[in-house]
Amino acid sequence: MENYFKKSFYAESKVHKAGFTLIEMAIVLVIIGIIIGAVMKGRDLIKSAQIKNAYETFFAAHYKIIGSYYDKTGRILGDGTINGGTGTNPNGWMDNIPLYNGTNRSNIINALRRVGIDICSLVKSNLTSTECGPNGLNIGQISLDGEYARQTVWVGYYYANFGGRYRNYLRIEMIPTDFAIALDKMIDGVSNCSSGSFVVVPGGTCNNGQWPDASSTPYVRAAWIVEF
């Protein structure tokens, strides 16, 4: 009988030492939750940094350059050949110039350099071209990693009718939808694709001020209206 109790106690002791208590399991789960939360937070911080960097060094740089040109000349960049556009004479409207085209980029660069603005040193892109010296900086396009799409995004100097009023605007083509939503919040303080300075291009999808769902519409066409 004595040997039986010794064996039983020994067996129970081995089971206790080999397993986990509820407290130990709870602690492990809490630690795992903390790690997952930290990873997600880190991922969000990285994405926010990417969006902010693209805004400051590419999109906002273009917008500021348009304003600087107007301050220096009283004319609109991309309006008529004298301002780097395609129309014969300026008429107050940008000439719908997509900057994925090398000739268009060169014309804009030359128009700006004539008044002392070096766009090649002001706009930063992770894509290359041949217009901006030995480094081949592409001032018209940038590659962005959205939540649901990796896109080559290009900009252009355009004009269009916004709610019955013609406006000049910086056209942003093929931008990941989550980037567009974030830029709208940064520029206008609230995400609304139909009001403010940053909106969907005329004819684009915008339901009651709501940008499309990024999971089903991974990229959009956005307009940053230029105010002089």
Protein backbone atom coordinates (compact mmCIF):
# COMPACT_ATOMS: atom_id res chain seq x y z
CA MET A 1 0.00 0.00 0.00
CA GLU A 2 2.83 2.35 0.89
CA ASN A 3 4.45 1.81 -2.52
CA TYR A 4 1.13 2.58 -4.23
CA PHE A 5 0.84 5.98 -2.55
CA LYS A 6 4.44 6.81 -3.38
CA LYS A 7 3.91 5.98 -7.05
CA SER A 8 0.63 7.93 -7.20
CA PHE A 9 2.19 11.02 -5.59
CA TYR A 10 5.18 10.79 -7.89
CA ALA A 11 2.96 10.55 -10.99
CA GLU A 12 0.87 13.59 -9.94
CA SER A 13 4.02 15.60 -9.26
CA LYS A 14 5.35 14.85 -12.76
CA VAL A 15 2.06 15.99 -14.36
CA HIS A 16 2.12 19.26 -12.37
CA LYS A 17 5.72 20.00 -13.34
CA ALA A 18 5.19 19.20 -17.03
CA GLY A 19 2.02 21.32 -17.49
CA PHE A 20 1.01 25.02 -17.13
CA THR A 21 -1.24 26.55 -14.54
CA LEU A 22 -4.09 28.84 -15.58
CA ILE A 23 -2.14 31.82 -14.28
CA GLU A 24 0.90 30.90 -16.34
CA MET A 25 -1.22 30.49 -19.47
CA ALA A 26 -2.90 33.85 -18.84
CA ILE A 27 0.48 35.54 -18.53
CA VAL A 28 1.64 33.97 -21.80
CA LEU A 29 -1.52 35.15 -23.58
CA VAL A 30 -1.06 38.67 -22.23
CA ILE A 31 2.53 38.74 -23.47
CA ILE A 32 1.48 37.49 -26.91
CA GLY A 33 -1.22 40.19 -27.04
CA ILE A 34 1.32 42.87 -26.14
CA ILE A 35 3.70 41.66 -28.87
CA ILE A 36 0.93 41.59 -31.51
CA GLY A 37 -0.21 45.07 -30.46
CA ALA A 38 3.34 46.39 -30.70
CA VAL A 39 3.78 44.86 -34.17
CA MET A 40 0.51 46.39 -35.39
CA LYS A 41 1.39 49.75 -33.88
CA GLY A 42 4.81 49.64 -35.50
CA ARG A 43 3.23 48.80 -38.84
CA ASP A 44 0.84 51.76 -38.52
CA LEU A 45 3.71 54.09 -37.62
CA ILE A 46 5.70 52.96 -40.66
CA LYS A 47 2.70 53.48 -42.95
CA SER A 48 2.03 56.93 -41.47
CA ALA A 49 5.67 57.87 -42.00
CA GLN A 50 5.50 56.76 -45.64
CA ILE A 51 2.35 58.82 -46.25
CA LYS A 52 3.79 61.89 -44.55
CA ASN A 53 7.03 61.60 -46.50
CA ALA A 54 5.21 61.28 -49.85
CA TYR A 55 3.04 64.26 -48.95
CA GLU A 56 5.89 66.55 -47.93
CA THR A 57 8.51 65.65 -50.54
CA PHE A 58 6.31 64.99 -53.58
CA PHE A 59 2.67 66.15 -53.56
CA ALA A 60 3.03 69.25 -51.37
CA ALA A 61 6.27 70.10 -53.18
CA HIS A 62 4.39 70.26 -56.50
CA TYR A 63 1.62 72.33 -54.96
CA LYS A 64 4.08 74.82 -53.45
CA ILE A 65 5.99 75.11 -56.73
CA ILE A 66 2.79 76.07 -58.57
CA GLY A 67 2.23 78.81 -55.98
CA SER A 68 5.85 79.98 -56.11
CA TYR A 69 5.71 80.32 -59.88
CA TYR A 70 2.55 82.40 -59.63
CA ASP A 71 4.12 84.62 -56.93
CA LYS A 72 7.17 85.24 -59.09
CA THR A 73 5.46 85.80 -62.44
CA GLY A 74 1.75 86.44 -61.88
CA ARG A 75 1.18 83.62 -64.36
CA ILE A 76 -0.08 80.06 -64.04
CA LEU A 77 2.37 77.21 -64.45
CA GLY A 78 1.43 74.98 -67.36
CA ASP A 79 -0.76 77.64 -68.99
CA GLY A 80 0.54 78.26 -72.52
CA THR A 81 3.97 77.45 -73.90
CA ILE A 82 5.54 80.46 -72.16
CA ASN A 83 4.65 78.78 -68.87
CA GLY A 84 5.67 75.27 -69.84
CA GLY A 85 2.24 74.31 -71.17
CA THR A 86 1.05 73.16 -74.58
CA GLY A 87 -1.38 75.92 -75.58
CA THR A 88 -0.23 78.71 -77.88
CA ASN A 89 -1.38 81.52 -75.60
CA PRO A 90 -2.12 81.61 -71.86
CA ASN A 91 -5.83 81.68 -71.03
CA GLY A 92 -5.83 81.34 -67.26
CA TRP A 93 -6.16 77.56 -67.21
CA MET A 94 -3.56 74.82 -66.95
CA ASP A 95 -3.26 72.90 -70.20
CA ASN A 96 -4.11 69.43 -68.81
CA ILE A 97 -0.50 68.31 -68.75
CA PRO A 98 0.27 64.79 -67.50
CA LEU A 99 3.83 64.67 -66.18
CA TYR A 100 4.44 61.04 -67.07
CA ASN A 101 5.41 62.39 -70.49
CA GLY A 102 9.11 63.31 -70.80
CA THR A 103 8.52 66.27 -73.10
CA ASN A 104 5.95 67.74 -70.74
CA ARG A 105 8.31 67.33 -67.80
CA SER A 106 11.15 69.02 -69.66
CA ASN A 107 8.96 71.97 -70.64
CA ILE A 108 7.82 72.49 -67.05
CA ILE A 109 11.38 72.18 -65.73
CA ASN A 110 12.64 74.78 -68.24
CA ALA A 111 9.80 77.21 -67.49
CA LEU A 112 10.59 77.03 -63.79
CA ARG A 113 14.34 77.35 -64.24
CA ARG A 114 13.85 80.54 -66.24
CA VAL A 115 12.46 82.18 -63.10
CA GLY A 116 14.96 80.62 -60.69
CA ILE A 117 12.98 77.62 -59.44
CA ASP A 118 14.78 74.28 -59.58
CA ILE A 119 12.01 71.72 -59.34
CA CYS A 120 14.53 68.89 -59.54
CA SER A 121 15.94 69.82 -56.14
CA LEU A 122 12.51 70.32 -54.56
CA VAL A 123 10.51 67.26 -55.66
CA LYS A 124 11.68 63.86 -54.43
CA SER A 125 10.71 60.63 -56.14
CA ASN A 126 11.69 56.97 -55.85
CA LEU A 127 11.37 56.56 -59.62
CA THR A 128 13.88 57.68 -62.22
CA SER A 129 13.75 59.45 -65.55
CA THR A 130 16.23 61.44 -67.65
CA GLU A 131 15.06 65.03 -67.21
CA CYS A 132 16.86 65.99 -64.01
CA GLY A 133 20.58 65.62 -64.48
CA PRO A 134 22.82 62.61 -63.81
CA ASN A 135 20.56 61.13 -61.11
CA GLY A 136 17.63 61.01 -63.52
CA LEU A 137 15.07 62.27 -61.01
CA ASN A 138 11.48 61.80 -62.09
CA ILE A 139 9.49 64.83 -60.92
CA GLY A 140 6.24 63.54 -62.39
CA GLN A 141 5.84 60.08 -60.86
CA ILE A 142 6.29 58.22 -57.60
CA SER A 143 5.75 54.61 -56.50
CA LEU A 144 3.51 54.11 -53.46
CA ASP A 145 2.69 51.00 -51.42
CA GLY A 146 -0.96 51.14 -50.46
CA GLU A 147 -2.77 48.71 -48.20
CA TYR A 148 -4.25 46.91 -51.22
CA ALA A 149 -2.20 48.14 -54.18
CA ARG A 150 1.34 49.08 -55.14
CA GLN A 151 0.96 51.83 -57.72
CA THR A 152 3.03 54.12 -59.89
CA VAL A 153 1.31 57.43 -59.26
CA TRP A 154 1.66 60.37 -61.62
CA VAL A 155 0.68 63.99 -61.28
CA GLY A 156 -0.32 66.62 -63.80
CA TYR A 157 -1.40 70.26 -64.04
CA TYR A 158 -5.08 70.30 -65.03
CA TYR A 159 -8.29 72.31 -64.93
CA ALA A 160 -11.91 71.13 -64.70
CA ASN A 161 -15.41 72.07 -63.66
CA PHE A 162 -15.97 71.48 -59.93
CA GLY A 163 -19.61 71.93 -59.03
CA GLY A 164 -20.26 74.59 -61.66
CA ARG A 165 -16.97 76.44 -61.23
CA TYR A 166 -13.81 75.91 -63.26
CA ARG A 167 -10.67 75.42 -61.19
CA ASN A 168 -7.01 74.66 -61.76
CA TYR A 169 -5.84 71.60 -59.89
CA LEU A 170 -2.98 69.21 -59.29
CA ARG A 171 -4.24 65.92 -60.70
CA ILE A 172 -3.10 62.80 -58.84
CA GLU A 173 -3.64 59.70 -60.92
CA MET A 174 -3.74 56.07 -59.72
CA ILE A 175 -3.10 56.88 -56.05
CA PRO A 176 -3.82 54.05 -53.58
CA THR A 177 -7.19 54.77 -51.98
CA ASP A 178 -5.88 54.58 -48.41
CA PHE A 179 -3.21 57.17 -49.34
CA ALA A 180 -5.88 59.45 -50.83
CA ILE A 181 -7.98 59.23 -47.67
CA ALA A 182 -4.96 60.01 -45.49
CA LEU A 183 -3.88 62.95 -47.69
CA ASP A 184 -7.41 64.34 -47.61
CA LYS A 185 -7.32 64.29 -43.80
CA MET A 186 -3.91 65.99 -43.78
CA ILE A 187 -4.91 68.71 -46.25
CA ASP A 188 -8.53 69.43 -45.32
CA GLY A 189 -8.58 68.22 -41.72
CA VAL A 190 -11.36 65.77 -42.50
CA SER A 191 -11.84 62.98 -45.02
CA ASN A 192 -14.51 64.05 -47.52
CA CYS A 193 -14.09 63.34 -51.22
CA SER A 194 -16.62 65.96 -52.35
CA SER A 195 -15.68 69.07 -50.36
CA GLY A 196 -12.56 70.99 -49.46
CA SER A 197 -9.37 71.37 -51.48
CA PHE A 198 -8.59 67.66 -51.83
CA VAL A 199 -11.39 65.81 -53.61
CA VAL A 200 -12.06 63.10 -56.16
CA VAL A 201 -11.65 64.23 -59.78
CA PRO A 202 -14.89 65.24 -61.53
CA GLY A 203 -16.71 62.11 -62.59
CA GLY A 204 -14.95 59.94 -60.03
CA THR A 205 -16.67 57.75 -57.44
CA CYS A 206 -17.70 59.63 -54.32
CA ASN A 207 -20.79 58.55 -52.38
CA ASN A 208 -22.07 61.26 -50.05
CA GLY A 209 -18.55 62.45 -49.35
CA GLN A 210 -17.20 58.96 -48.70
CA TRP A 211 -14.13 57.77 -50.56
CA PRO A 212 -14.50 54.28 -52.06
CA ASP A 213 -13.65 51.23 -49.96
CA ALA A 214 -9.92 50.63 -50.42
CA SER A 215 -10.37 46.85 -50.33
CA SER A 216 -12.64 46.86 -53.39
CA THR A 217 -11.32 50.03 -55.08
CA PRO A 218 -7.57 49.92 -54.44
CA TYR A 219 -6.73 53.17 -56.29
CA VAL A 220 -8.49 56.39 -57.24
CA ARG A 221 -8.00 59.65 -59.13
CA ALA A 222 -7.75 62.66 -56.86
CA ALA A 223 -7.65 66.42 -57.34
CA TRP A 224 -5.87 68.97 -55.18
CA ILE A 225 -7.51 72.27 -56.14
CA VAL A 226 -5.03 75.11 -56.56
CA GLU A 227 -5.82 78.41 -54.86
CA PHE A 228 -3.95 81.54 -55.97
